[in-house]
């Protein structure tokens, strides 16, 4: 059986969040993290969401690419300016 390549939209669905483009953009804007806070350690996740993010990050599987993409996007405000 064919499994779709994980995307940001599918990640949001897996996390039980609204996966519309507008909702994802809003989530990213309103959930910026300091540089020293890992994505899965953010206090806005439920235990299940946190476990999903951390386990796929550690497995370095197909989901890890999308988790990393979200990680980068929620750390934009903490990135040093060039």
N, C-alpha and C. Protein backbone atom coordinates (compact mmCIF):
# COMPACT_ATOMS: atom_id res chain seq x y z
N UNK A 1 0.84 -1.19 0.00
CA UNK A 1 0.00 0.00 0.00
C UNK A 1 0.88 1.25 0.00
N UNK A 2 0.50 2.21 -0.79
CA UNK A 2 1.25 3.46 -0.91
C UNK A 2 0.93 4.40 0.25
N UNK A 3 1.97 4.87 0.90
CA UNK A 3 1.79 5.86 1.96
C UNK A 3 2.28 7.19 1.43
N UNK A 4 1.46 8.24 1.59
CA UNK A 4 1.88 9.54 1.08
C UNK A 4 3.11 10.06 1.81
N UNK A 5 3.93 10.78 1.08
CA UNK A 5 5.10 11.43 1.68
C UNK A 5 4.60 12.45 2.70
N UNK A 6 5.14 12.43 3.92
CA UNK A 6 4.70 13.40 4.91
C UNK A 6 4.88 14.84 4.43
N UNK A 7 3.91 15.67 4.75
CA UNK A 7 3.94 17.10 4.45
C UNK A 7 3.60 17.84 5.73
N UNK A 8 3.77 19.14 5.70
CA UNK A 8 3.40 19.95 6.86
C UNK A 8 1.90 19.80 7.15
N UNK A 9 1.09 19.74 6.10
CA UNK A 9 -0.35 19.58 6.28
C UNK A 9 -0.66 18.24 6.95
N UNK A 10 -0.01 17.17 6.50
CA UNK A 10 -0.23 15.86 7.12
C UNK A 10 0.27 15.82 8.56
N UNK A 11 1.37 16.52 8.83
CA UNK A 11 1.88 16.60 10.20
C UNK A 11 0.84 17.25 11.10
N UNK A 12 0.27 18.35 10.65
CA UNK A 12 -0.74 19.03 11.46
C UNK A 12 -1.96 18.12 11.68
N UNK A 13 -2.34 17.37 10.65
CA UNK A 13 -3.45 16.42 10.82
C UNK A 13 -3.09 15.35 11.85
N UNK A 14 -1.87 14.82 11.77
CA UNK A 14 -1.42 13.81 12.73
C UNK A 14 -1.44 14.35 14.16
N UNK A 15 -1.15 15.63 14.29
CA UNK A 15 -1.12 16.26 15.61
C UNK A 15 -2.51 16.68 16.08
N UNK A 16 -3.52 16.46 15.23
CA UNK A 16 -4.89 16.82 15.60
C UNK A 16 -5.17 18.31 15.49
N UNK A 17 -4.40 18.99 14.65
CA UNK A 17 -4.55 20.43 14.48
C UNK A 17 -5.17 20.75 13.13
N UNK A 18 -5.72 21.94 13.00
CA UNK A 18 -6.25 22.41 11.72
C UNK A 18 -5.10 22.44 10.72
N UNK A 19 -5.28 21.77 9.60
CA UNK A 19 -4.21 21.65 8.61
C UNK A 19 -4.40 22.56 7.40
N UNK A 20 -5.29 23.54 7.51
CA UNK A 20 -5.45 24.47 6.39
C UNK A 20 -4.22 25.38 6.32
N UNK A 21 -3.95 25.90 5.15
CA UNK A 21 -2.79 26.77 4.97
C UNK A 21 -2.84 27.97 5.92
N UNK A 22 -4.01 28.56 6.06
CA UNK A 22 -4.17 29.73 6.93
C UNK A 22 -3.90 29.36 8.39
N UNK A 23 -4.42 28.21 8.82
CA UNK A 23 -4.24 27.78 10.21
C UNK A 23 -2.77 27.47 10.50
N UNK A 24 -2.10 26.84 9.56
CA UNK A 24 -0.67 26.53 9.74
C UNK A 24 0.13 27.83 9.84
N UNK A 25 -0.14 28.77 8.95
CA UNK A 25 0.55 30.06 9.00
C UNK A 25 0.32 30.76 10.33
N UNK A 26 -0.93 30.74 10.80
CA UNK A 26 -1.27 31.38 12.07
C UNK A 26 -0.57 30.68 13.24
N UNK A 27 -0.55 29.36 13.21
CA UNK A 27 0.12 28.60 14.26
C UNK A 27 1.59 28.99 14.34
N UNK A 28 2.24 29.03 13.20
CA UNK A 28 3.67 29.36 13.16
C UNK A 28 3.91 30.78 13.68
N UNK A 29 3.07 31.72 13.29
CA UNK A 29 3.22 33.10 13.75
C UNK A 29 3.02 33.24 15.25
N UNK A 30 2.10 32.47 15.81
CA UNK A 30 1.74 32.64 17.22
C UNK A 30 2.44 31.66 18.16
N UNK A 31 3.28 30.80 17.64
CA UNK A 31 3.97 29.81 18.47
C UNK A 31 5.48 29.85 18.27
N UNK A 32 6.04 31.04 18.12
CA UNK A 32 7.48 31.18 17.97
C UNK A 32 8.17 30.79 19.28
N UNK A 33 9.30 30.10 19.15
CA UNK A 33 10.04 29.60 20.31
C UNK A 33 11.41 30.24 20.42
N UNK A 34 11.90 30.39 21.65
CA UNK A 34 13.28 30.84 21.83
C UNK A 34 14.24 29.78 21.29
N UNK A 35 15.43 30.19 20.94
CA UNK A 35 16.41 29.29 20.34
C UNK A 35 16.74 28.10 21.24
N UNK A 36 16.66 28.28 22.55
CA UNK A 36 17.05 27.21 23.48
C UNK A 36 15.92 26.24 23.82
N UNK A 37 14.77 26.37 23.18
CA UNK A 37 13.65 25.46 23.42
C UNK A 37 13.44 24.58 22.20
N UNK A 38 13.63 23.28 22.38
CA UNK A 38 13.41 22.33 21.28
C UNK A 38 11.93 22.27 20.96
N UNK A 39 11.62 22.00 19.71
CA UNK A 39 10.23 21.95 19.27
C UNK A 39 9.38 21.05 20.16
N UNK A 40 9.84 19.84 20.42
CA UNK A 40 9.03 18.89 21.20
C UNK A 40 8.94 19.27 22.67
N UNK A 41 9.76 20.21 23.13
CA UNK A 41 9.73 20.63 24.53
C UNK A 41 8.80 21.83 24.77
N UNK A 42 8.23 22.38 23.71
CA UNK A 42 7.36 23.54 23.86
C UNK A 42 6.16 23.18 24.73
N UNK A 43 5.75 24.13 25.57
CA UNK A 43 4.68 23.85 26.52
C UNK A 43 3.28 23.84 25.91
N UNK A 44 3.15 24.14 24.63
CA UNK A 44 1.83 24.15 24.01
C UNK A 44 1.41 22.79 23.45
N UNK A 45 2.29 21.79 23.48
CA UNK A 45 1.94 20.46 22.98
C UNK A 45 1.28 19.63 24.06
N UNK A 46 0.39 18.73 23.65
CA UNK A 46 -0.11 17.72 24.57
C UNK A 46 0.97 16.64 24.69
N UNK A 47 0.81 15.76 25.64
CA UNK A 47 1.78 14.67 25.81
C UNK A 47 1.88 13.83 24.54
N UNK A 48 0.76 13.50 23.93
CA UNK A 48 0.76 12.70 22.71
C UNK A 48 1.43 13.39 21.55
N UNK A 49 1.17 14.69 21.40
CA UNK A 49 1.81 15.46 20.33
C UNK A 49 3.32 15.50 20.54
N UNK A 50 3.71 15.74 21.78
CA UNK A 50 5.13 15.82 22.13
C UNK A 50 5.82 14.48 21.81
N UNK A 51 5.19 13.39 22.19
CA UNK A 51 5.78 12.07 21.95
C UNK A 51 5.90 11.79 20.45
N UNK A 52 4.89 12.16 19.68
CA UNK A 52 4.93 11.96 18.23
C UNK A 52 6.11 12.71 17.63
N UNK A 53 6.24 13.99 17.97
CA UNK A 53 7.32 14.82 17.41
C UNK A 53 8.69 14.28 17.80
N UNK A 54 8.85 13.97 19.08
CA UNK A 54 10.15 13.51 19.56
C UNK A 54 10.52 12.14 18.97
N UNK A 55 9.56 11.23 18.91
CA UNK A 55 9.87 9.89 18.41
C UNK A 55 10.26 9.91 16.94
N UNK A 56 9.58 10.71 16.14
CA UNK A 56 9.93 10.74 14.71
C UNK A 56 11.23 11.51 14.48
N UNK A 57 11.49 12.50 15.31
CA UNK A 57 12.77 13.21 15.21
C UNK A 57 13.92 12.24 15.50
N UNK A 58 13.76 11.45 16.55
CA UNK A 58 14.81 10.51 16.94
C UNK A 58 14.97 9.37 15.94
N UNK A 59 13.87 8.92 15.33
CA UNK A 59 13.93 7.84 14.34
C UNK A 59 14.59 8.31 13.05
N UNK A 60 14.59 9.62 12.82
CA UNK A 60 15.13 10.19 11.58
C UNK A 60 14.48 9.55 10.36
N UNK A 61 13.15 9.39 10.45
CA UNK A 61 12.40 8.81 9.35
C UNK A 61 11.85 9.90 8.43
N UNK A 62 10.93 9.53 7.55
CA UNK A 62 10.36 10.52 6.62
C UNK A 62 9.69 11.68 7.34
N UNK A 63 9.08 11.39 8.50
CA UNK A 63 8.43 12.46 9.26
C UNK A 63 9.45 13.46 9.81
N UNK A 64 10.67 13.01 10.06
CA UNK A 64 11.69 13.89 10.65
C UNK A 64 11.95 15.11 9.78
N UNK A 65 11.86 14.95 8.48
CA UNK A 65 12.08 16.07 7.56
C UNK A 65 11.02 17.15 7.79
N UNK A 66 9.78 16.72 7.95
CA UNK A 66 8.68 17.66 8.14
C UNK A 66 8.72 18.25 9.55
N UNK A 67 9.08 17.44 10.53
CA UNK A 67 9.23 17.94 11.90
C UNK A 67 10.32 19.00 11.93
N UNK A 68 11.42 18.76 11.22
CA UNK A 68 12.50 19.74 11.15
C UNK A 68 12.03 21.03 10.47
N UNK A 69 11.22 20.88 9.43
CA UNK A 69 10.68 22.07 8.75
C UNK A 69 9.85 22.91 9.72
N UNK A 70 8.98 22.27 10.49
CA UNK A 70 8.19 23.00 11.47
C UNK A 70 9.09 23.61 12.54
N UNK A 71 10.09 22.86 12.98
CA UNK A 71 11.05 23.35 13.96
C UNK A 71 11.71 24.64 13.48
N UNK A 72 12.16 24.65 12.25
CA UNK A 72 12.80 25.84 11.70
C UNK A 72 11.83 27.02 11.64
N UNK A 73 10.59 26.73 11.26
CA UNK A 73 9.63 27.82 11.11
C UNK A 73 9.21 28.43 12.44
N UNK A 74 9.14 27.63 13.51
CA UNK A 74 8.76 28.20 14.80
C UNK A 74 9.96 28.81 15.53
N UNK A 75 11.13 28.72 14.94
CA UNK A 75 12.32 29.36 15.50
C UNK A 75 12.80 30.54 14.66
N UNK A 76 12.02 30.98 13.70
CA UNK A 76 12.42 32.08 12.82
C UNK A 76 12.75 33.34 13.62
N UNK A 77 11.92 33.68 14.60
CA UNK A 77 12.15 34.90 15.37
C UNK A 77 13.39 34.82 16.24
N UNK A 78 13.87 33.62 16.52
CA UNK A 78 15.06 33.49 17.37
C UNK A 78 16.34 33.31 16.56
N UNK A 79 16.21 33.28 15.24
CA UNK A 79 17.39 33.14 14.38
C UNK A 79 18.18 34.44 14.36
N UNK A 80 19.51 34.32 14.43
CA UNK A 80 20.32 35.54 14.36
C UNK A 80 20.19 36.19 12.98
N UNK A 81 20.13 37.49 12.99
CA UNK A 81 20.03 38.21 11.71
C UNK A 81 21.40 38.29 11.06
N UNK A 82 21.41 38.17 9.76
CA UNK A 82 22.67 38.19 9.00
C UNK A 82 22.94 39.58 8.49
